[in-house]
Amino acid sequence: MSCEWGRSMTATPQPHREGPFGAKGFSEGAILAVSPAIANAVYDAVGARLKDLPITREKMLESLRLHLADDSHIPATG
């Protein structure tokens, strides 16, 4: 089988001894960045940093409360 970059690959199915029915993982690598991306989007939007998974509404509200209670994010005037 060839791909658009001019490389070729050959599929050699070999069952994985630890996977269910010999299955191997495939998409885990693609989903690893989703949670950090969501946490960074929340931080960019409201300035509240989320560091624990799963990201829940309660954790978001608590992080926002802590962020708003901290005066260091407010620029000094004068």
PDB file of N, CA and C in Angstrom:
ATOM      1  N   MET A   1       0.842  -1.156   0.000  1.00  0.00           N
ATOM      2  CA  MET A   1       0.000   0.000   0.000  1.00  0.00           C
ATOM      3  C   MET A   1       0.903   1.240   0.000  1.00  0.00           C
ATOM      4  N   SER A   2       0.615   2.218  -0.838  1.00  0.00           N
ATOM      5  CA  SER A   2       1.448   3.417  -0.845  1.00  0.00           C
ATOM      6  C   SER A   2       0.604   4.605  -0.406  1.00  0.00           C
ATOM      7  N   CYS A   3       1.274   5.613   0.125  1.00  0.00           N
ATOM      8  CA  CYS A   3       0.558   6.800   0.570  1.00  0.00           C
ATOM      9  C   CYS A   3       0.999   7.992  -0.262  1.00  0.00           C
ATOM     10  N   GLU A   4       0.412   9.143  -0.010  1.00  0.00           N
ATOM     11  CA  GLU A   4       0.664  10.313  -0.840  1.00  0.00           C
ATOM     12  C   GLU A   4       2.069  10.871  -0.727  1.00  0.00           C
ATOM     13  N   TRP A   5       2.847  10.488   0.286  1.00  0.00           N
ATOM     14  CA  TRP A   5       4.206  10.995   0.436  1.00  0.00           C
ATOM     15  C   TRP A   5       5.222  10.122  -0.286  1.00  0.00           C
ATOM     16  N   GLY A   6       4.777   9.135  -1.000  1.00  0.00           N
ATOM     17  CA  GLY A   6       5.689   8.277  -1.717  1.00  0.00           C
ATOM     18  C   GLY A   6       6.280   7.161  -0.866  1.00  0.00           C
ATOM     19  N   ARG A   7       5.829   7.026   0.333  1.00  0.00           N
ATOM     20  CA  ARG A   7       6.289   5.945   1.204  1.00  0.00           C
ATOM     21  C   ARG A   7       5.355   4.762   1.041  1.00  0.00           C
ATOM     22  N   SER A   8       5.828   3.633   1.430  1.00  0.00           N
ATOM     23  CA  SER A   8       4.956   2.463   1.386  1.00  0.00           C
ATOM     24  C   SER A   8       4.944   1.794   2.746  1.00  0.00           C
ATOM     25  N   MET A   9       3.863   1.105   3.015  1.00  0.00           N
ATOM     26  CA  MET A   9       3.766   0.373   4.260  1.00  0.00           C
ATOM     27  C   MET A   9       3.061  -0.943   4.006  1.00  0.00           C
ATOM     28  N   THR A  10       3.359  -1.871   4.836  1.00  0.00           N
ATOM     29  CA  THR A  10       2.746  -3.178   4.718  1.00  0.00           C
ATOM     30  C   THR A  10       2.083  -3.516   6.045  1.00  0.00           C
ATOM     31  N   ALA A  11       0.817  -3.862   5.974  1.00  0.00           N
ATOM     32  CA  ALA A  11       0.096  -4.255   7.178  1.00  0.00           C
ATOM     33  C   ALA A  11       0.353  -5.736   7.439  1.00  0.00           C
ATOM     34  N   THR A  12       0.864  -6.012   8.594  1.00  0.00           N
ATOM     35  CA  THR A  12       1.089  -7.406   8.987  1.00  0.00           C
ATOM     36  C   THR A  12       0.327  -7.654  10.274  1.00  0.00           C
ATOM     37  N   PRO A  13      -0.927  -8.084  10.139  1.00  0.00           N
ATOM     38  CA  PRO A  13      -1.735  -8.259  11.338  1.00  0.00           C
ATOM     39  C   PRO A  13      -1.174  -9.339  12.253  1.00  0.00           C
ATOM     40  N   GLN A  14      -0.862  -8.938  13.452  1.00  0.00           N
ATOM     41  CA  GLN A  14      -0.415  -9.864  14.489  1.00  0.00           C
ATOM     42  C   GLN A  14      -1.201  -9.536  15.741  1.00  0.00           C
ATOM     43  N   PRO A  15      -1.927 -10.488  16.268  1.00  0.00           N
ATOM     44  CA  PRO A  15      -2.728 -10.188  17.454  1.00  0.00           C
ATOM     45  C   PRO A  15      -1.866  -9.766  18.627  1.00  0.00           C
ATOM     46  N   HIS A  16      -2.365  -8.807  19.360  1.00  0.00           N
ATOM     47  CA  HIS A  16      -1.684  -8.335  20.555  1.00  0.00           C
ATOM     48  C   HIS A  16      -2.106  -9.215  21.722  1.00  0.00           C
ATOM     49  N   ARG A  17      -1.155  -9.707  22.484  1.00  0.00           N
ATOM     50  CA  ARG A  17      -1.487 -10.674  23.529  1.00  0.00           C
ATOM     51  C   ARG A  17      -2.247 -10.061  24.703  1.00  0.00           C
ATOM     52  N   GLU A  18      -2.155  -8.743  24.909  1.00  0.00           N
ATOM     53  CA  GLU A  18      -2.824  -8.124  26.045  1.00  0.00           C
ATOM     54  C   GLU A  18      -4.142  -7.451  25.680  1.00  0.00           C
ATOM     55  N   GLY A  19      -4.397  -7.219  24.412  1.00  0.00           N
ATOM     56  CA  GLY A  19      -5.617  -6.531  24.005  1.00  0.00           C
ATOM     57  C   GLY A  19      -6.798  -7.482  23.917  1.00  0.00           C
ATOM     58  N   PRO A  20      -8.017  -6.937  24.050  1.00  0.00           N
ATOM     59  CA  PRO A  20      -9.190  -7.798  23.921  1.00  0.00           C
ATOM     60  C   PRO A  20      -9.310  -8.342  22.497  1.00  0.00           C
ATOM     61  N   PHE A  21      -9.473  -9.615  22.368  1.00  0.00           N
ATOM     62  CA  PHE A  21      -9.564 -10.292  21.068  1.00  0.00           C
ATOM     63  C   PHE A  21      -8.336 -10.019  20.199  1.00  0.00           C
ATOM     64  N   GLY A  22      -7.207  -9.716  20.817  1.00  0.00           N
ATOM     65  CA  GLY A  22      -5.973  -9.468  20.083  1.00  0.00           C
ATOM     66  C   GLY A  22      -5.864  -8.067  19.513  1.00  0.00           C
ATOM     67  N   ALA A  23      -6.760  -7.153  19.919  1.00  0.00           N
ATOM     68  CA  ALA A  23      -6.769  -5.795  19.376  1.00  0.00           C
ATOM     69  C   ALA A  23      -5.599  -4.980  19.909  1.00  0.00           C
ATOM     70  N   LYS A  24      -5.132  -4.044  19.096  1.00  0.00           N
ATOM     71  CA  LYS A  24      -4.075  -3.115  19.490  1.00  0.00           C
ATOM     72  C   LYS A  24      -4.672  -1.712  19.566  1.00  0.00           C
ATOM     73  N   GLY A  25      -4.081  -0.877  20.390  1.00  0.00           N
ATOM     74  CA  GLY A  25      -4.541   0.501  20.479  1.00  0.00           C
ATOM     75  C   GLY A  25      -4.242   1.264  19.197  1.00  0.00           C
ATOM     76  N   PHE A  26      -5.096   2.221  18.858  1.00  0.00           N
ATOM     77  CA  PHE A  26      -4.882   2.972  17.628  1.00  0.00           C
ATOM     78  C   PHE A  26      -5.033   4.471  17.841  1.00  0.00           C
ATOM     79  N   SER A  27      -6.090   4.895  18.493  1.00  0.00           N
ATOM     80  CA  SER A  27      -6.375   6.332  18.533  1.00  0.00           C
ATOM     81  C   SER A  27      -6.010   7.008  19.848  1.00  0.00           C
ATOM     82  N   GLU A  28      -5.388   6.299  20.768  1.00  0.00           N
ATOM     83  CA  GLU A  28      -5.066   6.922  22.042  1.00  0.00           C
ATOM     84  C   GLU A  28      -4.167   8.138  21.870  1.00  0.00           C
ATOM     85  N   GLY A  29      -3.219   8.070  20.982  1.00  0.00           N
ATOM     86  CA  GLY A  29      -2.315   9.194  20.756  1.00  0.00           C
ATOM     87  C   GLY A  29      -3.025  10.446  20.282  1.00  0.00           C
ATOM     88  N   ALA A  30      -4.088  10.264  19.521  1.00  0.00           N
ATOM     89  CA  ALA A  30      -4.816  11.416  18.979  1.00  0.00           C
ATOM     90  C   ALA A  30      -5.655  12.116  20.028  1.00  0.00           C
ATOM     91  N   ILE A  31      -6.060  11.419  21.084  1.00  0.00           N
ATOM     92  CA  ILE A  31      -6.928  12.047  22.074  1.00  0.00           C
ATOM     93  C   ILE A  31      -6.177  12.569  23.287  1.00  0.00           C
ATOM     94  N   LEU A  32      -4.880  12.369  23.352  1.00  0.00           N
ATOM     95  CA  LEU A  32      -4.118  12.810  24.520  1.00  0.00           C
ATOM     96  C   LEU A  32      -4.119  14.325  24.704  1.00  0.00           C
ATOM     97  N   ALA A  33      -4.202  15.068  23.635  1.00  0.00           N
ATOM     98  CA  ALA A  33      -4.100  16.527  23.734  1.00  0.00           C
ATOM     99  C   ALA A  33      -5.438  17.227  23.932  1.00  0.00           C
ATOM    100  N   VAL A  34      -6.537  16.490  23.935  1.00  0.00           N
ATOM    101  CA  VAL A  34      -7.852  17.119  24.028  1.00  0.00           C
ATOM    102  C   VAL A  34      -8.069  17.785  25.388  1.00  0.00           C
ATOM    103  N   SER A  35      -7.819  17.076  26.472  1.00  0.00           N
ATOM    104  CA  SER A  35      -8.049  17.648  27.808  1.00  0.00           C
ATOM    105  C   SER A  35      -7.187  18.878  28.076  1.00  0.00           C
ATOM    106  N   PRO A  36      -5.878  18.827  27.792  1.00  0.00           N
ATOM    107  CA  PRO A  36      -5.085  20.048  27.991  1.00  0.00           C
ATOM    108  C   PRO A  36      -5.545  21.199  27.098  1.00  0.00           C
ATOM    109  N   ALA A  37      -6.008  20.904  25.905  1.00  0.00           N
ATOM    110  CA  ALA A  37      -6.491  21.965  25.016  1.00  0.00           C
ATOM    111  C   ALA A  37      -7.732  22.628  25.585  1.00  0.00           C
ATOM    112  N   ILE A  38      -8.637  21.831  26.152  1.00  0.00           N
ATOM    113  CA  ILE A  38      -9.839  22.391  26.770  1.00  0.00           C
ATOM    114  C   ILE A  38      -9.461  23.224  27.994  1.00  0.00           C
ATOM    115  N   ALA A  39      -8.564  22.693  28.826  1.00  0.00           N
ATOM    116  CA  ALA A  39      -8.131  23.436  30.020  1.00  0.00           C
ATOM    117  C   ALA A  39      -7.473  24.755  29.627  1.00  0.00           C
ATOM    118  N   ASN A  40      -6.659  24.745  28.578  1.00  0.00           N
ATOM    119  CA  ASN A  40      -6.019  25.983  28.124  1.00  0.00           C
ATOM    120  C   ASN A  40      -7.033  26.951  27.529  1.00  0.00           C
ATOM    121  N   ALA A  41      -8.073  26.435  26.872  1.00  0.00           N
ATOM    122  CA  ALA A  41      -9.116  27.306  26.332  1.00  0.00           C
ATOM    123  C   ALA A  41      -9.866  28.005  27.464  1.00  0.00           C
ATOM    124  N   VAL A  42     -10.139  27.274  28.542  1.00  0.00           N
ATOM    125  CA  VAL A  42     -10.786  27.883  29.706  1.00  0.00           C
ATOM    126  C   VAL A  42      -9.874  28.958  30.295  1.00  0.00           C
ATOM    127  N   TYR A  43      -8.583  28.648  30.424  1.00  0.00           N
ATOM    128  CA  TYR A  43      -7.636  29.624  30.963  1.00  0.00           C
ATOM    129  C   TYR A  43      -7.571  30.873  30.079  1.00  0.00           C
ATOM    130  N   ASP A  44      -7.508  30.677  28.770  1.00  0.00           N
ATOM    131  CA  ASP A  44      -7.456  31.823  27.858  1.00  0.00           C
ATOM    132  C   ASP A  44      -8.731  32.658  27.931  1.00  0.00           C
ATOM    133  N   ALA A  45      -9.866  32.004  28.150  1.00  0.00           N
ATOM    134  CA  ALA A  45     -11.143  32.716  28.167  1.00  0.00           C
ATOM    135  C   ALA A  45     -11.372  33.479  29.464  1.00  0.00           C
ATOM    136  N   VAL A  46     -11.076  32.859  30.609  1.00  0.00           N
ATOM    137  CA  VAL A  46     -11.437  33.491  31.882  1.00  0.00           C
ATOM    138  C   VAL A  46     -10.275  33.660  32.839  1.00  0.00           C
ATOM    139  N   GLY A  47      -9.112  33.108  32.519  1.00  0.00           N
ATOM    140  CA  GLY A  47      -7.950  33.270  33.366  1.00  0.00           C
ATOM    141  C   GLY A  47      -7.864  32.299  34.524  1.00  0.00           C
ATOM    142  N   ALA A  48      -8.777  31.341  34.601  1.00  0.00           N
ATOM    143  CA  ALA A  48      -8.772  30.358  35.681  1.00  0.00           C
ATOM    144  C   ALA A  48      -8.098  29.085  35.188  1.00  0.00           C
ATOM    145  N   ARG A  49      -7.074  28.629  35.899  1.00  0.00           N
ATOM    146  CA  ARG A  49      -6.298  27.460  35.489  1.00  0.00           C
ATOM    147  C   ARG A  49      -6.905  26.186  36.092  1.00  0.00           C
ATOM    148  N   LEU A  50      -7.178  25.199  35.242  1.00  0.00           N
ATOM    149  CA  LEU A  50      -7.676  23.890  35.673  1.00  0.00           C
ATOM    150  C   LEU A  50      -6.547  22.884  35.528  1.00  0.00           C
ATOM    151  N   LYS A  51      -6.260  22.149  36.608  1.00  0.00           N
ATOM    152  CA  LYS A  51      -5.133  21.216  36.577  1.00  0.00           C
ATOM    153  C   LYS A  51      -5.529  19.777  36.838  1.00  0.00           C
ATOM    154  N   ASP A  52      -6.780  19.528  37.170  1.00  0.00           N
ATOM    155  CA  ASP A  52      -7.225  18.176  37.493  1.00  0.00           C
ATOM    156  C   ASP A  52      -8.253  17.686  36.494  1.00  0.00           C
ATOM    157  N   LEU A  53      -8.211  16.394  36.227  1.00  0.00           N
ATOM    158  CA  LEU A  53      -9.209  15.762  35.379  1.00  0.00           C
ATOM    159  C   LEU A  53     -10.080  14.872  36.237  1.00  0.00           C
ATOM    160  N   PRO A  54     -11.314  14.695  35.895  1.00  0.00           N
ATOM    161  CA  PRO A  54     -12.013  15.299  34.767  1.00  0.00           C
ATOM    162  C   PRO A  54     -12.350  16.768  35.050  1.00  0.00           C
ATOM    163  N   ILE A  55     -12.501  17.528  33.989  1.00  0.00           N
ATOM    164  CA  ILE A  55     -12.893  18.922  34.119  1.00  0.00           C
ATOM    165  C   ILE A  55     -14.407  18.937  34.333  1.00  0.00           C
ATOM    166  N   THR A  56     -14.810  19.427  35.484  1.00  0.00           N
ATOM    167  CA  THR A  56     -16.233  19.486  35.798  1.00  0.00           C
ATOM    168  C   THR A  56     -16.663  20.929  36.008  1.00  0.00           C
ATOM    169  N   ARG A  57     -17.944  21.129  35.999  1.00  0.00           N
ATOM    170  CA  ARG A  57     -18.492  22.461  36.217  1.00  0.00           C
ATOM    171  C   ARG A  57     -18.083  22.982  37.594  1.00  0.00           C
ATOM    172  N   GLU A  58     -18.129  22.089  38.592  1.00  0.00           N
ATOM    173  CA  GLU A  58     -17.778  22.501  39.947  1.00  0.00           C
ATOM    174  C   GLU A  58     -16.310  22.933  40.032  1.00  0.00           C
ATOM    175  N   LYS A  59     -15.418  22.176  39.391  1.00  0.00           N
ATOM    176  CA  LYS A  59     -13.999  22.541  39.398  1.00  0.00           C
ATOM    177  C   LYS A  59     -13.763  23.859  38.668  1.00  0.00           C
ATOM    178  N   MET A  60     -14.491  24.069  37.570  1.00  0.00           N
ATOM    179  CA  MET A  60     -14.342  25.316  36.828  1.00  0.00           C
ATOM    180  C   MET A  60     -14.791  26.500  37.685  1.00  0.00           C
ATOM    181  N   LEU A  61     -15.932  26.362  38.359  1.00  0.00           N
ATOM    182  CA  LEU A  61     -16.427  27.452  39.196  1.00  0.00           C
ATOM    183  C   LEU A  61     -15.501  27.737  40.373  1.00  0.00           C
ATOM    184  N   GLU A  62     -14.985  26.675  41.011  1.00  0.00           N
ATOM    185  CA  GLU A  62     -14.061  26.867  42.134  1.00  0.00           C
ATOM    186  C   GLU A  62     -12.771  27.553  41.676  1.00  0.00           C
ATOM    187  N   SER A  63     -12.253  27.130  40.536  1.00  0.00           N
ATOM    188  CA  SER A  63     -11.041  27.749  39.999  1.00  0.00           C
ATOM    189  C   SER A  63     -11.291  29.219  39.664  1.00  0.00           C
ATOM    190  N   LEU A  64     -12.449  29.507  39.122  1.00  0.00           N
ATOM    191  CA  LEU A  64     -12.793  30.893  38.798  1.00  0.00           C
ATOM    192  C   LEU A  64     -12.962  31.722  40.073  1.00  0.00           C
ATOM    193  N   ARG A  65     -13.591  31.138  41.092  1.00  0.00           N
ATOM    194  CA  ARG A  65     -13.724  31.847  42.373  1.00  0.00           C
ATOM    195  C   ARG A  65     -12.356  32.178  42.966  1.00  0.00           C
ATOM    196  N   LEU A  66     -11.451  31.201  42.957  1.00  0.00           N
ATOM    197  CA  LEU A  66     -10.106  31.432  43.486  1.00  0.00           C
ATOM    198  C   LEU A  66      -9.374  32.489  42.676  1.00  0.00           C
ATOM    199  N   HIS A  67      -9.547  32.436  41.368  1.00  0.00           N
ATOM    200  CA  HIS A  67      -8.888  33.407  40.495  1.00  0.00           C
ATOM    201  C   HIS A  67      -9.411  34.818  40.766  1.00  0.00           C
ATOM    202  N   LEU A  68     -10.715  34.947  40.915  1.00  0.00           N
ATOM    203  CA  LEU A  68     -11.294  36.265  41.151  1.00  0.00           C
ATOM    204  C   LEU A  68     -10.986  36.784  42.549  1.00  0.00           C
ATOM    205  N   ALA A  69     -10.786  35.883  43.512  1.00  0.00           N
ATOM    206  CA  ALA A  69     -10.443  36.297  44.862  1.00  0.00           C
ATOM    207  C   ALA A  69      -9.000  36.779  44.971  1.00  0.00           C
ATOM    208  N   ASP A  70      -8.164  36.345  44.042  1.00  0.00           N
ATOM    209  CA  ASP A  70      -6.758  36.749  44.021  1.00  0.00           C
ATOM    210  C   ASP A  70      -6.641  38.070  43.284  1.00  0.00           C
ATOM    211  N   ASP A  71      -6.142  39.094  43.953  1.00  0.00           N
ATOM    212  CA  ASP A  71      -6.059  40.428  43.352  1.00  0.00           C
ATOM    213  C   ASP A  71      -4.883  40.597  42.405  1.00  0.00           C
ATOM    214  N   SER A  72      -4.026  39.610  42.287  1.00  0.00           N
ATOM    215  CA  SER A  72      -2.823  39.788  41.470  1.00  0.00           C
ATOM    216  C   SER A  72      -3.133  39.877  39.976  1.00  0.00           C
ATOM    217  N   HIS A  73      -4.314  39.444  39.549  1.00  0.00           N
ATOM    218  CA  HIS A  73      -4.647  39.514  38.124  1.00  0.00           C
ATOM    219  C   HIS A  73      -5.192  40.880  37.722  1.00  0.00           C
ATOM    220  N   ILE A  74      -5.474  41.729  38.729  1.00  0.00           N
ATOM    221  CA  ILE A  74      -6.017  43.063  38.445  1.00  0.00           C
ATOM    222  C   ILE A  74      -4.854  44.040  38.296  1.00  0.00           C
ATOM    223  N   PRO A  75      -4.780  44.736  37.153  1.00  0.00           N
ATOM    224  CA  PRO A  75      -3.669  45.675  36.956  1.00  0.00           C
ATOM    225  C   PRO A  75      -3.749  46.852  37.936  1.00  0.00           C
ATOM    226  N   ALA A  76      -2.604  47.262  38.395  1.00  0.00           N
ATOM    227  CA  ALA A  76      -2.534  48.398  39.325  1.00  0.00           C
ATOM    228  C   ALA A  76      -2.828  49.693  38.562  1.00  0.00           C
ATOM    229  N   THR A  77      -3.564  50.557  39.189  1.00  0.00           N
ATOM    230  CA  THR A  77      -3.860  51.855  38.556  1.00  0.00           C
ATOM    231  C   THR A  77      -3.138  52.944  39.334  1.00  0.00           C
ATOM    232  N   GLY A  78      -2.881  53.996  38.632  1.00  0.00           N
ATOM    233  CA  GLY A  78      -2.283  55.105  39.366  1.00  0.00           C
ATOM    234  C   GLY A  78      -1.076  55.564  38.789  1.00  0.00           C
TER     235      GLY A  78
END
